[in-house]
C-alpha atoms as a PDB file:
ATOM      1  CA  MET A   1     -16.784  -0.557   6.905  1.00  0.00           C
ATOM      2  CA  TYR A   2     -14.312  -2.641   4.918  1.00  0.00           C
ATOM      3  CA  ARG A   3     -14.915  -2.371   1.184  1.00  0.00           C
ATOM      4  CA  GLY A   4     -11.813  -4.152  -0.075  1.00  0.00           C
ATOM      5  CA  SER A   5     -10.445  -0.971  -1.629  1.00  0.00           C
ATOM      6  CA  GLU A   6      -7.696  -0.460   0.949  1.00  0.00           C
ATOM      7  CA  LYS A   7      -4.266  -1.138  -0.513  1.00  0.00           C
ATOM      8  CA  ILE A   8      -1.003  -1.925   1.235  1.00  0.00           C
ATOM      9  CA  ASN A   9       2.225  -1.695  -0.741  1.00  0.00           C
ATOM     10  CA  ARG A  10       3.933  -5.089  -0.669  1.00  0.00           C
ATOM     11  CA  PHE A  11       6.583  -4.403  -3.307  1.00  0.00           C
ATOM     12  CA  ILE A  12      10.025  -5.516  -2.146  1.00  0.00           C
ATOM     13  CA  MET A  13      12.950  -3.833  -3.851  1.00  0.00           C
ATOM     14  CA  ALA A  14      15.904  -6.195  -3.571  1.00  0.00           C
ATOM     15  CA  ASP A  15      18.247  -4.519  -6.094  1.00  0.00           C
ATOM     16  CA  ASN A  16      20.977  -2.094  -5.041  1.00  0.00           C
ATOM     17  CA  ASN A  17      20.803  -3.181  -1.410  1.00  0.00           C
ATOM     18  CA  VAL A  18      23.869  -3.136   0.759  1.00  0.00           C
ATOM     19  CA  ARG A  19      22.200  -5.032   3.570  1.00  0.00           C
ATOM     20  CA  ILE A  20      18.818  -6.658   4.249  1.00  0.00           C
ATOM     21  CA  VAL A  21      17.518  -7.062   7.806  1.00  0.00           C
ATOM     22  CA  LEU A  22      14.341  -8.738   9.047  1.00  0.00           C
ATOM     23  CA  GLN A  23      12.766  -6.772  11.903  1.00  0.00           C
ATOM     24  CA  GLY A  24      10.171  -8.752  13.876  1.00  0.00           C
ATOM     25  CA  PHE A  25       7.828  -7.641  16.654  1.00  0.00           C
ATOM     26  CA  ALA A  26       5.708  -9.673  19.103  1.00  0.00           C
ATOM     27  CA  ASP A  27       2.947  -8.606  21.487  1.00  0.00           C
ATOM     28  CA  ALA A  28       0.036 -10.029  23.461  1.00  0.00           C
ATOM     29  CA  SER A  29      -3.111  -8.948  25.257  1.00  0.00           C
ATOM     30  CA  GLU A  30      -5.813 -10.819  27.168  1.00  0.00           C
ATOM     31  CA  ALA A  31      -7.721 -11.253  23.897  1.00  0.00           C
ATOM     32  CA  ALA A  32      -4.995 -12.227  21.414  1.00  0.00           C
ATOM     33  CA  TYR A  33      -1.309 -12.387  20.618  1.00  0.00           C
ATOM     34  CA  GLY A  34       0.508 -11.706  17.404  1.00  0.00           C
ATOM     35  CA  ALA A  35       3.631 -10.948  15.437  1.00  0.00           C
ATOM     36  CA  VAL A  36       4.591  -8.705  12.546  1.00  0.00           C
ATOM     37  CA  VAL A  37       7.720  -8.841  10.374  1.00  0.00           C
ATOM     38  CA  TYR A  38       9.246  -6.047   8.300  1.00  0.00           C
ATOM     39  CA  LEU A  39      11.966  -6.131   5.656  1.00  0.00           C
ATOM     40  CA  GLN A  40      14.503  -3.336   6.119  1.00  0.00           C
ATOM     41  CA  CYS A  41      16.677  -2.699   3.052  1.00  0.00           C
ATOM     42  CA  PHE A  42      19.718  -0.469   3.437  1.00  0.00           C
ATOM     43  CA  LEU A  43      20.632   1.113   0.093  1.00  0.00           C
ATOM     44  CA  HIS A  44      23.999   2.220  -1.325  1.00  0.00           C
ATOM     45  CA  ASN A  45      23.087   5.896  -0.919  1.00  0.00           C
ATOM     46  CA  GLY A  46      22.762   5.465   2.868  1.00  0.00           C
ATOM     47  CA  THR A  47      18.970   5.430   3.036  1.00  0.00           C
ATOM     48  CA  ALA A  48      16.774   2.576   4.196  1.00  0.00           C
ATOM     49  CA  LYS A  49      13.468   1.293   2.841  1.00  0.00           C
ATOM     50  CA  VAL A  50      11.129  -0.598   5.158  1.00  0.00           C
ATOM     51  CA  SER A  51       8.259  -2.812   3.965  1.00  0.00           C
ATOM     52  CA  ILE A  52       5.835  -4.924   5.942  1.00  0.00           C
ATOM     53  CA  LEU A  53       6.212  -8.573   4.944  1.00  0.00           C
ATOM     54  CA  ALA A  54       3.777 -10.529   7.075  1.00  0.00           C
ATOM     55  CA  SER A  55       1.786 -10.624  10.267  1.00  0.00           C
ATOM     56  CA  LYS A  56       0.078 -13.409  12.130  1.00  0.00           C
ATOM     57  CA  SER A  57      -2.230 -13.497  15.112  1.00  0.00           C
ATOM     58  CA  ARG A  58      -3.873 -16.003  17.393  1.00  0.00           C
ATOM     59  CA  VAL A  59      -6.846 -15.679  19.703  1.00  0.00           C
ATOM     60  CA  ALA A  60      -5.861 -16.144  23.347  1.00  0.00           C
ATOM     61  CA  PRO A  61      -6.936 -19.498  24.801  1.00  0.00           C
ATOM     62  CA  ILE A  62     -10.222 -19.693  26.692  1.00  0.00           C
ATOM     63  CA  ARG A  63      -8.315 -20.981  29.706  1.00  0.00           C
ATOM     64  CA  VAL A  64      -6.889 -17.979  31.541  1.00  0.00           C
ATOM     65  CA  ILE A  65      -3.154 -17.565  30.943  1.00  0.00           C
ATOM     66  CA  SER A  66      -1.087 -14.761  32.419  1.00  0.00           C
ATOM     67  CA  ILE A  67      -0.051 -11.887  30.155  1.00  0.00           C
ATOM     68  CA  PRO A  68       3.676 -12.751  30.446  1.00  0.00           C
ATOM     69  CA  ARG A  69       2.942 -16.300  29.262  1.00  0.00           C
ATOM     70  CA  LEU A  70       0.865 -14.947  26.371  1.00  0.00           C
ATOM     71  CA  GLU A  71       3.779 -12.627  25.526  1.00  0.00           C
ATOM     72  CA  LEU A  72       6.007 -15.707  25.414  1.00  0.00           C
ATOM     73  CA  CYS A  73       3.486 -17.381  23.067  1.00  0.00           C
ATOM     74  CA  ALA A  74       3.763 -14.285  20.866  1.00  0.00           C
ATOM     75  CA  CYS A  75       7.550 -14.741  20.834  1.00  0.00           C
ATOM     76  CA  VAL A  76       7.080 -18.346  19.664  1.00  0.00           C
ATOM     77  CA  LEU A  77       4.704 -17.168  16.927  1.00  0.00           C
ATOM     78  CA  LEU A  78       7.233 -14.528  15.832  1.00  0.00           C
ATOM     79  CA  ALA A  79      10.076 -17.064  15.796  1.00  0.00           C
ATOM     80  CA  GLN A  80       8.012 -19.425  13.616  1.00  0.00           C
ATOM     81  CA  LEU A  81       6.976 -16.607  11.265  1.00  0.00           C
ATOM     82  CA  VAL A  82      10.543 -15.328  10.815  1.00  0.00           C
ATOM     83  CA  LYS A  83      11.863 -18.844  10.175  1.00  0.00           C
ATOM     84  CA  LYS A  84       9.149 -19.406   7.534  1.00  0.00           C
ATOM     85  CA  ILE A  85       9.935 -16.070   5.865  1.00  0.00           C
ATOM     86  CA  GLN A  86      13.665 -16.845   5.812  1.00  0.00           C
ATOM     87  CA  SER A  87      13.072 -20.201   4.156  1.00  0.00           C
ATOM     88  CA  THR A  88      10.655 -18.701   1.609  1.00  0.00           C
ATOM     89  CA  LEU A  89      12.419 -15.508   0.536  1.00  0.00           C
ATOM     90  CA  ARG A  90      15.173 -15.799  -2.014  1.00  0.00           C
ATOM     91  CA  LEU A  91      17.126 -12.904  -0.552  1.00  0.00           C
ATOM     92  CA  ASN A  92      20.454 -12.717   1.221  1.00  0.00           C
ATOM     93  CA  ILE A  93      19.275 -11.641   4.674  1.00  0.00           C
ATOM     94  CA  SER A  94      22.135 -10.152   6.696  1.00  0.00           C
ATOM     95  CA  ASP A  95      20.499 -10.166  10.096  1.00  0.00           C
ATOM     96  CA  SER A  96      17.253 -10.857  11.945  1.00  0.00           C
ATOM     97  CA  VAL A  97      16.360  -8.634  14.885  1.00  0.00           C
ATOM     98  CA  LEU A  98      13.361  -9.573  17.017  1.00  0.00           C
ATOM     99  CA  HIS A  99      11.584  -7.299  19.481  1.00  0.00           C
ATOM    100  CA  THR A 100       9.094  -7.666  22.321  1.00  0.00           C
ATOM    101  CA  ASP A 101       7.776  -5.201  24.861  1.00  0.00           C
ATOM    102  CA  SER A 102       7.760  -7.899  27.553  1.00  0.00           C
ATOM    103  CA  THR A 103      10.771  -7.729  29.852  1.00  0.00           C
ATOM    104  CA  ILE A 104       9.582 -10.940  31.526  1.00  0.00           C
ATOM    105  CA  ALA A 105       9.568 -12.877  28.235  1.00  0.00           C
ATOM    106  CA  LEU A 106      13.042 -11.511  27.430  1.00  0.00           C
ATOM    107  CA  ALA A 107      14.289 -12.617  30.852  1.00  0.00           C
ATOM    108  CA  TRP A 108      12.843 -16.107  30.325  1.00  0.00           C
ATOM    109  CA  LEU A 109      14.630 -16.377  26.965  1.00  0.00           C
ATOM    110  CA  ASN A 110      17.926 -15.810  28.810  1.00  0.00           C
ATOM    111  CA  THR A 111      17.236 -18.050  31.849  1.00  0.00           C
ATOM    112  CA  PRO A 112      18.627 -21.602  32.238  1.00  0.00           C
ATOM    113  CA  ALA A 113      15.924 -24.214  31.596  1.00  0.00           C
ATOM    114  CA  ASN A 114      16.210 -25.863  35.023  1.00  0.00           C
ATOM    115  CA  ARG A 115      14.858 -22.695  36.671  1.00  0.00           C
ATOM    116  CA  LEU A 116      11.648 -22.471  34.615  1.00  0.00           C
ATOM    117  CA  LYS A 117       8.246 -24.170  34.818  1.00  0.00           C
ATOM    118  CA  THR A 118       7.175 -26.669  32.142  1.00  0.00           C
ATOM    119  CA  PHE A 119       4.893 -24.312  30.151  1.00  0.00           C
ATOM    120  CA  VAL A 120       7.622 -21.687  29.983  1.00  0.00           C
ATOM    121  CA  VAL A 121      10.575 -24.020  29.389  1.00  0.00           C
ATOM    122  CA  ASN A 122       8.854 -25.702  26.416  1.00  0.00           C
ATOM    123  CA  ARG A 123       8.225 -22.377  24.694  1.00  0.00           C
ATOM    124  CA  VAL A 124      11.639 -20.957  25.552  1.00  0.00           C
ATOM    125  CA  ALA A 125      13.272 -24.064  24.055  1.00  0.00           C
ATOM    126  CA  LYS A 126      11.225 -23.633  20.861  1.00  0.00           C
ATOM    127  CA  VAL A 127      12.155 -19.944  20.544  1.00  0.00           C
ATOM    128  CA  GLN A 128      15.839 -20.652  21.207  1.00  0.00           C
ATOM    129  CA  GLU A 129      15.849 -23.453  18.638  1.00  0.00           C
ATOM    130  CA  LEU A 130      14.224 -21.309  15.933  1.00  0.00           C
ATOM    131  CA  THR A 131      16.111 -18.077  16.626  1.00  0.00           C
ATOM    132  CA  GLU A 132      19.643 -19.240  17.325  1.00  0.00           C
ATOM    133  CA  GLY A 133      21.985 -16.410  16.361  1.00  0.00           C
ATOM    134  CA  PHE A 134      19.206 -13.799  16.252  1.00  0.00           C
ATOM    135  CA  GLN A 135      19.078 -10.687  18.406  1.00  0.00           C
ATOM    136  CA  TRP A 136      16.192 -10.263  20.860  1.00  0.00           C
ATOM    137  CA  ASN A 137      15.580  -6.692  22.060  1.00  0.00           C
ATOM    138  CA  HIS A 138      13.128  -4.778  24.188  1.00  0.00           C
ATOM    139  CA  VAL A 139      10.896  -2.225  22.457  1.00  0.00           C
ATOM    140  CA  PRO A 140       8.624   0.238  24.277  1.00  0.00           C
ATOM    141  CA  SER A 141       4.947  -0.693  23.933  1.00  0.00           C
ATOM    142  CA  VAL A 142       4.080   2.571  22.162  1.00  0.00           C
ATOM    143  CA  LEU A 143       6.613   1.749  19.417  1.00  0.00           C
ATOM    144  CA  ASN A 144       5.598  -1.899  19.009  1.00  0.00           C
ATOM    145  CA  PRO A 145       3.587  -2.394  15.794  1.00  0.00           C
ATOM    146  CA  ALA A 146       2.517  -5.866  16.963  1.00  0.00           C
ATOM    147  CA  ASP A 147       0.421  -4.096  19.602  1.00  0.00           C
ATOM    148  CA  LEU A 148      -2.066  -3.410  16.814  1.00  0.00           C
ATOM    149  CA  VAL A 149      -2.277  -7.135  16.054  1.00  0.00           C
ATOM    150  CA  SER A 150      -2.886  -8.122  19.673  1.00  0.00           C
ATOM    151  CA  ARG A 151      -5.620  -5.574  20.394  1.00  0.00           C
ATOM    152  CA  GLY A 152      -7.388  -5.773  17.033  1.00  0.00           C
ATOM    153  CA  LEU A 153      -7.948  -3.374  14.191  1.00  0.00           C
ATOM    154  CA  ARG A 154     -10.316  -2.904  11.281  1.00  0.00           C
ATOM    155  CA  PRO A 155      -8.797  -3.379   7.793  1.00  0.00           C
ATOM    156  CA  CYS A 156      -9.953   0.074   6.696  1.00  0.00           C
ATOM    157  CA  ASP A 157      -7.794   1.605   9.460  1.00  0.00           C
ATOM    158  CA  LEU A 158      -4.553   0.000   8.213  1.00  0.00           C
ATOM    159  CA  PRO A 159      -3.570   2.579   5.556  1.00  0.00           C
ATOM    160  CA  ASN A 160      -3.711   5.415   8.104  1.00  0.00           C
ATOM    161  CA  LEU A 161      -1.373   3.834  10.648  1.00  0.00           C
ATOM    162  CA  ARG A 162       2.037   5.357  11.239  1.00  0.00           C
ATOM    163  CA  LEU A 163       3.632   2.196  12.668  1.00  0.00           C
ATOM    164  CA  TRP A 164       2.632   0.064   9.674  1.00  0.00           C
END
């Protein structure tokens, strides 16, 4: 039962950083899709500090959509979230690295528009527009923290998670 006593550290240490990187993750299931963004700060002493910045989720549409298309919707959500974070934070962000566990969505992001169907091409165009110059990578599903967003989780379980 959620009692409101669970705490998540949201302190962002921006001093003494050599480099700041946004790390974003997207995932989808039949029930929902979502994204989570972390701030990775590399310090002068060679260590790195990672903090969760934001996450966002959406319920999957009632109309049945294939999992690869929902994964692409998660990529759009991640692209929008990262762009919003970049415009809001007053930090010098060195790089933004985005991850998905969907090889199909990654392939679509690298396919010429004339070879894709309308649903896919519209979302690919949106992602490409928002994430120009960003890296998109594959991440194994077991290492994807956005998996927790897409399958659901109780707030009281958050502090005990290793990926978050």
